[in-house]
Amino acid sequence: MSRIDARHGAFGLVPPELDGAVVSGDFPSFDVDSDQLLPDFMSWLSRTEPFVAACKAASEGSTNRVRLKEDRFLASQIGLPPVSEQRRIVVRLSAVADRLAARQSALHEQQADLDALLRAAFARITADAPRARMGEIAPLVRRPVEISADVVYAEIGARTFGRGLFAKPALPGVTLTWQKLFRIAVGDLVISNIKAWEGALAVAGPEHDGKVASHRYLTCVADSARIMPNVLCFFLQSPEGNLQIQTASPGSADRNRTLAQARLEAIEVPVPSLDAQCWFVQLHTKITALRAHHTAITTDCDALLPALLAQIFG
């Protein structure tokens, strides 16, 4: 156990591969009397909310110096069924966990196959495609917002590593002093100028239309006669596109790697035929739907074991 973070669930049984490892004095360890308590049963029990609550109750101290008190922890009581019942529970939970792990592994493999399929499809349509500068096919468009004190603004941001846009807490106009806001429109390519090198860019959907972003976000509007925004976004998140963005974002420290407008406009992008782009976007849409389905399955799987633990130990 971690004396400092046991109240947050920082504990676990030592697996065979860590036998003989060492810990600091802030990690007390406890023997399990296997004649009364099976170690695997203890492992499952320790994942329950009541057990974590017991660790919280056994911790004391000021805000930054809260520590688990071993004597208080050892005085805690747990429900202890007979060893035969413990063994039955362990078998049941382990079987469910194994099946969930197999399901998750299959989903990861499917996701990898889908990613490889998309990369291969994009390479196919861009192999002999001409190139054009971002400034020519997706110029920067800024829509400054005149801030009113009595208006609340719905702000968005972009997650890194291509994880899309997200809603930030609403901004009351009365709280805004020096900040500048710009309006977002559906179809915009929204790029964080300080995190673009980490893939913080995405295409605005209907749910983002009319919302705002700070001056740290650049919005490019794709020329619909030449390139589709999702094709452009996919390229900029590809290894080749990201390399160009990193080159256009100089600086050593994290927040000093700023993508300037002129450098963004100079990035060269492959421009395949619109028919090829439409085919790719349709494929991308289908795969995105499959990923959403996989995410829903993963969410259900993640919730299943905690629910089962609550049922058994509650």
Protein backbone atom coordinates (compact mmCIF):
# COMPACT_ATOMS: atom_id res chain seq x y z
CA MET A 1 0.00 0.00 0.00
CA SER A 2 0.96 3.61 -0.52
CA ARG A 3 0.62 5.43 2.79
CA ILE A 4 -0.13 8.64 0.92
CA ASP A 5 -2.52 7.35 -1.74
CA ALA A 6 -4.16 4.27 -0.22
CA ARG A 7 -7.23 6.46 0.25
CA HIS A 8 -7.28 6.77 -3.56
CA GLY A 9 -6.97 3.02 -4.16
CA ALA A 10 -3.17 2.81 -4.49
CA PHE A 11 -2.61 -0.78 -3.35
CA GLY A 12 -2.47 -4.29 -4.76
CA LEU A 13 -1.20 -7.83 -4.33
CA VAL A 14 2.38 -8.56 -5.37
CA PRO A 15 2.36 -10.65 -8.58
CA PRO A 16 4.92 -13.43 -9.15
CA GLU A 17 7.00 -11.29 -11.51
CA LEU A 18 7.58 -8.73 -8.72
CA ASP A 19 8.57 -11.24 -6.05
CA GLY A 20 11.72 -9.96 -4.35
CA ALA A 21 11.26 -6.35 -5.53
CA VAL A 22 11.78 -3.49 -3.09
CA VAL A 23 9.72 -0.50 -1.96
CA SER A 24 10.39 2.63 0.07
CA GLY A 25 9.28 3.14 3.65
CA ASP A 26 6.09 4.81 2.41
CA PHE A 27 4.80 1.46 1.14
CA PRO A 28 3.90 -0.87 4.04
CA SER A 29 3.19 -4.46 3.04
CA PHE A 30 1.02 -7.04 4.80
CA ASP A 31 0.98 -10.82 4.90
CA VAL A 32 -2.29 -12.56 4.03
CA ASP A 33 -3.25 -15.49 6.26
CA SER A 34 -4.28 -17.89 3.48
CA ASP A 35 -5.87 -20.30 5.99
CA GLN A 36 -8.60 -17.69 6.51
CA LEU A 37 -8.36 -15.41 3.47
CA LEU A 38 -7.43 -16.43 -0.07
CA PRO A 39 -5.03 -13.88 -1.61
CA ASP A 40 -7.07 -13.81 -4.84
CA PHE A 41 -10.23 -13.11 -2.84
CA MET A 42 -8.39 -10.28 -1.09
CA SER A 43 -7.35 -8.96 -4.49
CA TRP A 44 -10.98 -8.74 -5.65
CA LEU A 45 -12.16 -7.36 -2.31
CA SER A 46 -9.59 -4.56 -2.48
CA ARG A 47 -11.19 -3.28 -5.70
CA THR A 48 -14.50 -2.53 -4.02
CA GLU A 49 -15.68 0.88 -2.84
CA PRO A 50 -16.14 -0.23 0.80
CA PHE A 51 -12.50 -1.33 0.97
CA VAL A 52 -11.28 2.00 -0.43
CA ALA A 53 -13.58 3.75 2.06
CA ALA A 54 -11.94 1.77 4.87
CA CYS A 55 -8.54 3.01 3.69
CA LYS A 56 -9.83 6.58 3.70
CA ALA A 57 -11.14 6.12 7.23
CA ALA A 58 -7.73 4.74 8.29
CA SER A 59 -5.91 7.81 6.92
CA GLU A 60 -5.40 11.07 8.76
CA GLY A 61 -3.40 14.27 8.52
CA SER A 62 -3.53 17.75 7.02
CA THR A 63 -4.25 18.43 3.36
CA ASN A 64 -0.76 17.68 2.05
CA ARG A 65 0.31 15.22 4.76
CA VAL A 66 -2.48 12.64 4.85
CA ARG A 67 -1.10 9.20 5.65
CA LEU A 68 -2.52 5.71 6.17
CA LYS A 69 -2.19 4.58 9.80
CA GLU A 70 -1.40 0.86 9.80
CA ASP A 71 -2.88 0.16 13.23
CA ARG A 72 -6.15 1.81 12.26
CA PHE A 73 -6.19 -0.06 8.94
CA LEU A 74 -5.55 -3.41 10.66
CA ALA A 75 -8.46 -2.69 13.02
CA SER A 76 -10.84 -2.46 10.05
CA GLN A 77 -13.30 -5.31 9.64
CA ILE A 78 -14.28 -7.13 6.46
CA GLY A 79 -16.98 -9.64 5.63
CA LEU A 80 -15.22 -13.00 5.45
CA PRO A 81 -17.11 -15.97 3.99
CA PRO A 82 -15.74 -19.52 4.34
CA VAL A 83 -12.72 -20.36 2.18
CA SER A 84 -14.87 -22.61 -0.02
CA GLU A 85 -17.19 -19.67 -0.77
CA GLN A 86 -14.21 -17.39 -1.35
CA ARG A 87 -12.87 -19.89 -3.89
CA ARG A 88 -16.23 -20.03 -5.69
CA ILE A 89 -16.37 -16.23 -5.91
CA VAL A 90 -12.79 -16.03 -7.19
CA VAL A 91 -13.51 -18.60 -9.91
CA ARG A 92 -16.60 -16.70 -11.03
CA LEU A 93 -14.93 -13.28 -11.10
CA SER A 94 -11.76 -14.58 -12.76
CA ALA A 95 -13.80 -16.23 -15.52
CA VAL A 96 -15.64 -12.98 -16.23
CA ALA A 97 -12.38 -11.01 -16.16
CA ASP A 98 -10.71 -13.43 -18.58
CA ARG A 99 -13.60 -13.19 -21.03
CA LEU A 100 -13.63 -9.39 -20.81
CA ALA A 101 -9.87 -9.27 -21.39
CA ALA A 102 -10.22 -11.51 -24.46
CA ARG A 103 -12.99 -9.27 -25.77
CA GLN A 104 -10.92 -6.14 -25.22
CA SER A 105 -7.91 -7.73 -26.92
CA ALA A 106 -10.06 -8.59 -29.96
CA LEU A 107 -11.35 -5.02 -30.09
CA HIS A 108 -7.79 -3.63 -29.99
CA GLU A 109 -6.81 -5.92 -32.86
CA GLN A 110 -9.85 -4.81 -34.87
CA GLN A 111 -9.00 -1.16 -34.21
CA ALA A 112 -5.46 -1.74 -35.45
CA ASP A 113 -6.81 -3.40 -38.60
CA LEU A 114 -9.18 -0.48 -39.23
CA ASP A 115 -6.34 2.04 -38.77
CA ALA A 116 -4.18 0.10 -41.23
CA LEU A 117 -7.07 -0.02 -43.71
CA LEU A 118 -7.52 3.75 -43.57
CA ARG A 119 -3.80 4.42 -43.97
CA ALA A 120 -3.63 2.10 -46.99
CA ALA A 121 -6.71 3.71 -48.55
CA PHE A 122 -5.27 7.21 -48.08
CA ALA A 123 -1.92 6.17 -49.54
CA ARG A 124 -3.78 4.78 -52.55
CA ILE A 125 -5.69 8.00 -53.36
CA THR A 126 -2.71 10.31 -52.74
CA ALA A 127 0.05 8.28 -54.44
CA ASP A 128 0.13 10.39 -57.61
CA ALA A 129 -1.91 13.37 -56.42
CA PRO A 130 -0.69 16.92 -57.08
CA ARG A 131 0.29 19.11 -54.13
CA ALA A 132 -0.95 22.52 -53.05
CA ARG A 133 -0.18 24.91 -50.21
CA MET A 134 -2.60 25.17 -47.29
CA GLY A 135 -2.95 28.88 -48.01
CA GLU A 136 -4.31 28.07 -51.48
CA ILE A 137 -6.77 25.28 -50.68
CA ALA A 138 -7.72 26.00 -47.05
CA PRO A 139 -7.06 29.65 -46.20
CA LEU A 140 -7.28 30.97 -42.68
CA VAL A 141 -10.67 32.52 -41.87
CA ARG A 142 -11.17 34.48 -38.64
CA ARG A 143 -14.59 35.52 -37.35
CA PRO A 144 -13.94 37.85 -34.41
CA VAL A 145 -16.64 38.03 -31.75
CA GLU A 146 -17.67 41.37 -30.29
CA ILE A 147 -17.91 40.46 -26.62
CA SER A 148 -20.99 41.56 -24.64
CA ALA A 149 -21.01 41.51 -20.85
CA ASP A 150 -24.51 39.98 -20.67
CA VAL A 151 -23.81 37.08 -23.06
CA VAL A 152 -22.55 33.60 -22.10
CA TYR A 153 -20.25 32.07 -24.71
CA ALA A 154 -19.99 28.34 -25.47
CA GLU A 155 -16.26 27.68 -25.94
CA ILE A 156 -14.58 24.68 -27.54
CA GLY A 157 -11.06 23.27 -27.53
CA ALA A 158 -9.15 20.54 -29.40
CA ARG A 159 -7.77 17.41 -27.78
CA THR A 160 -4.28 16.23 -28.67
CA PHE A 161 -3.46 13.09 -30.67
CA GLY A 162 -6.45 13.50 -32.99
CA ARG A 163 -9.11 12.96 -30.32
CA GLY A 164 -11.44 15.65 -31.63
CA LEU A 165 -13.03 18.81 -30.28
CA PHE A 166 -14.57 19.17 -26.82
CA ALA A 167 -16.76 21.67 -24.99
CA LYS A 168 -15.10 23.91 -22.44
CA PRO A 169 -16.94 25.55 -19.51
CA ALA A 170 -19.18 28.40 -20.64
CA LEU A 171 -17.65 31.87 -20.55
CA PRO A 172 -19.75 34.75 -19.17
CA GLY A 173 -18.92 37.86 -21.17
CA VAL A 174 -18.61 39.94 -18.01
CA THR A 175 -15.54 37.86 -16.98
CA LEU A 176 -13.69 38.42 -20.24
CA THR A 177 -11.15 41.23 -20.21
CA TRP A 178 -8.18 40.78 -22.54
CA GLN A 179 -9.32 37.52 -24.19
CA LYS A 180 -10.26 37.47 -27.86
CA LEU A 181 -12.84 35.01 -29.13
CA PHE A 182 -13.53 33.79 -32.67
CA ARG A 183 -16.66 32.07 -33.95
CA ILE A 184 -16.56 28.51 -35.30
CA ALA A 185 -18.59 27.26 -38.27
CA VAL A 186 -19.40 23.69 -39.29
CA GLY A 187 -16.72 22.31 -41.62
CA ASP A 188 -13.93 24.48 -40.20
CA LEU A 189 -10.58 22.83 -39.65
CA VAL A 190 -9.86 23.95 -36.07
CA ILE A 191 -6.17 23.93 -35.14
CA SER A 192 -4.55 24.71 -31.79
CA ASN A 193 -1.55 26.86 -32.61
CA ILE A 194 0.31 25.67 -29.48
CA LYS A 195 -0.61 21.97 -29.63
CA ALA A 196 -0.91 21.36 -33.37
CA TRP A 197 2.40 19.46 -33.24
CA GLU A 198 0.67 16.99 -30.89
CA GLY A 199 -2.29 16.49 -33.21
CA ALA A 200 -4.68 19.00 -31.60
CA LEU A 201 -6.79 19.65 -34.69
CA ALA A 202 -10.19 18.50 -35.91
CA VAL A 203 -13.07 19.31 -38.24
CA ALA A 204 -15.97 21.17 -36.61
CA GLY A 205 -19.26 19.28 -36.80
CA PRO A 206 -22.84 20.57 -36.63
CA GLU A 207 -22.68 20.45 -32.82
CA HIS A 208 -19.84 23.01 -32.86
CA ASP A 209 -21.45 25.47 -35.27
CA GLY A 210 -21.75 28.96 -33.74
CA LYS A 211 -19.54 28.20 -30.73
CA VAL A 212 -16.35 30.12 -30.01
CA ALA A 213 -12.66 29.44 -29.57
CA SER A 214 -9.85 31.54 -28.16
CA HIS A 215 -7.24 33.34 -30.24
CA ARG A 216 -5.05 30.28 -29.72
CA TYR A 217 -7.13 28.40 -32.29
CA LEU A 218 -6.71 28.88 -36.03
CA THR A 219 -9.65 28.11 -38.32
CA CYS A 220 -9.09 27.11 -41.93
CA VAL A 221 -11.90 26.77 -44.46
CA ALA A 222 -11.31 24.16 -47.17
CA ASP A 223 -12.05 25.13 -50.78
CA SER A 224 -14.92 22.73 -51.50
CA ALA A 225 -14.05 22.66 -55.20
CA ARG A 226 -10.61 21.23 -54.43
CA ILE A 227 -10.44 19.42 -51.10
CA MET A 228 -12.73 18.05 -48.40
CA PRO A 229 -12.03 19.09 -44.79
CA ASN A 230 -11.93 15.50 -43.47
CA VAL A 231 -9.34 14.55 -46.10
CA LEU A 232 -7.26 17.58 -45.15
CA CYS A 233 -7.53 16.76 -41.44
CA PHE A 234 -6.55 13.13 -42.00
CA PHE A 235 -3.43 14.18 -43.88
CA LEU A 236 -2.34 16.68 -41.21
CA GLN A 237 -2.68 13.95 -38.57
CA SER A 238 -0.74 11.43 -40.65
CA PRO A 239 3.01 10.97 -39.99
CA GLU A 240 3.87 13.03 -43.09
CA GLY A 241 1.45 15.83 -42.28
CA ASN A 242 2.36 15.91 -38.60
CA LEU A 243 6.04 16.14 -39.54
CA GLN A 244 5.28 19.25 -41.58
CA ILE A 245 3.33 20.75 -38.67
CA GLN A 246 6.17 19.99 -36.25
CA THR A 247 8.65 21.62 -38.62
CA ALA A 248 6.34 24.64 -38.81
CA SER A 249 6.12 24.78 -34.99
CA PRO A 250 9.65 25.58 -33.81
CA GLY A 251 10.65 25.93 -30.19
CA SER A 252 12.07 23.74 -27.45
CA ALA A 253 9.66 24.12 -24.54
CA ASP A 254 6.16 22.65 -24.68
CA ARG A 255 4.15 25.85 -24.82
CA ASN A 256 6.69 27.67 -27.00
CA ARG A 257 6.05 25.39 -29.99
CA THR A 258 3.73 27.80 -31.75
CA LEU A 259 2.35 27.24 -35.23
CA ALA A 260 2.42 30.62 -36.97
CA GLN A 261 -0.03 31.60 -39.70
CA ALA A 262 2.60 31.98 -42.42
CA ARG A 263 4.13 28.57 -41.65
CA LEU A 264 0.69 26.94 -41.62
CA GLU A 265 -0.16 28.42 -45.02
CA ALA A 266 3.11 27.08 -46.48
CA ILE A 267 2.39 23.42 -45.58
CA GLU A 268 1.97 21.34 -48.74
CA VAL A 269 -0.98 18.96 -48.96
CA PRO A 270 -1.80 16.22 -51.51
CA VAL A 271 -4.96 17.00 -53.49
CA PRO A 272 -6.48 13.86 -55.06
CA SER A 273 -9.55 14.00 -57.30
CA LEU A 274 -12.85 14.82 -55.62
CA ASP A 275 -14.22 11.40 -56.58
CA ALA A 276 -11.32 9.73 -54.78
CA GLN A 277 -11.82 12.02 -51.79
CA CYS A 278 -15.55 11.19 -51.62
CA TRP A 279 -14.74 7.48 -51.66
CA PHE A 280 -12.21 7.93 -48.85
CA VAL A 281 -14.58 10.06 -46.73
CA GLN A 282 -17.32 7.43 -47.06
CA LEU A 283 -14.88 4.77 -45.90
CA HIS A 284 -13.69 7.03 -43.08
CA THR A 285 -17.30 7.63 -41.97
CA LYS A 286 -18.03 3.90 -41.82
CA ILE A 287 -14.87 3.20 -39.85
CA THR A 288 -15.63 6.09 -37.47
CA ALA A 289 -19.05 4.53 -36.80
CA LEU A 290 -17.38 1.18 -36.09
CA ARG A 291 -14.97 2.86 -33.69
CA ALA A 292 -17.88 4.50 -31.87
CA HIS A 293 -19.50 1.05 -31.57
CA HIS A 294 -16.24 -0.36 -30.20
CA THR A 295 -16.04 2.50 -27.70
CA ALA A 296 -19.57 1.75 -26.50
CA ILE A 297 -18.66 -1.93 -26.04
CA THR A 298 -15.52 -0.96 -24.12
CA THR A 299 -17.54 1.35 -21.87
CA ASP A 300 -19.99 -1.47 -21.11
CA CYS A 301 -17.12 -3.87 -20.43
CA ASP A 302 -15.46 -1.38 -18.09
CA ALA A 303 -18.69 -1.03 -16.13
CA LEU A 304 -19.42 -4.75 -15.86
CA LEU A 305 -16.78 -5.79 -13.32
CA PRO A 306 -17.46 -2.90 -10.89
CA ALA A 307 -21.17 -3.74 -11.06
CA LEU A 308 -20.45 -7.42 -10.42
CA LEU A 309 -18.18 -6.55 -7.49
CA ALA A 310 -20.88 -4.33 -6.01
CA GLN A 311 -23.39 -7.17 -6.35
CA ILE A 312 -21.13 -9.74 -4.70
CA PHE A 313 -19.52 -7.62 -1.98
CA GLY A 314 -22.27 -5.03 -1.47
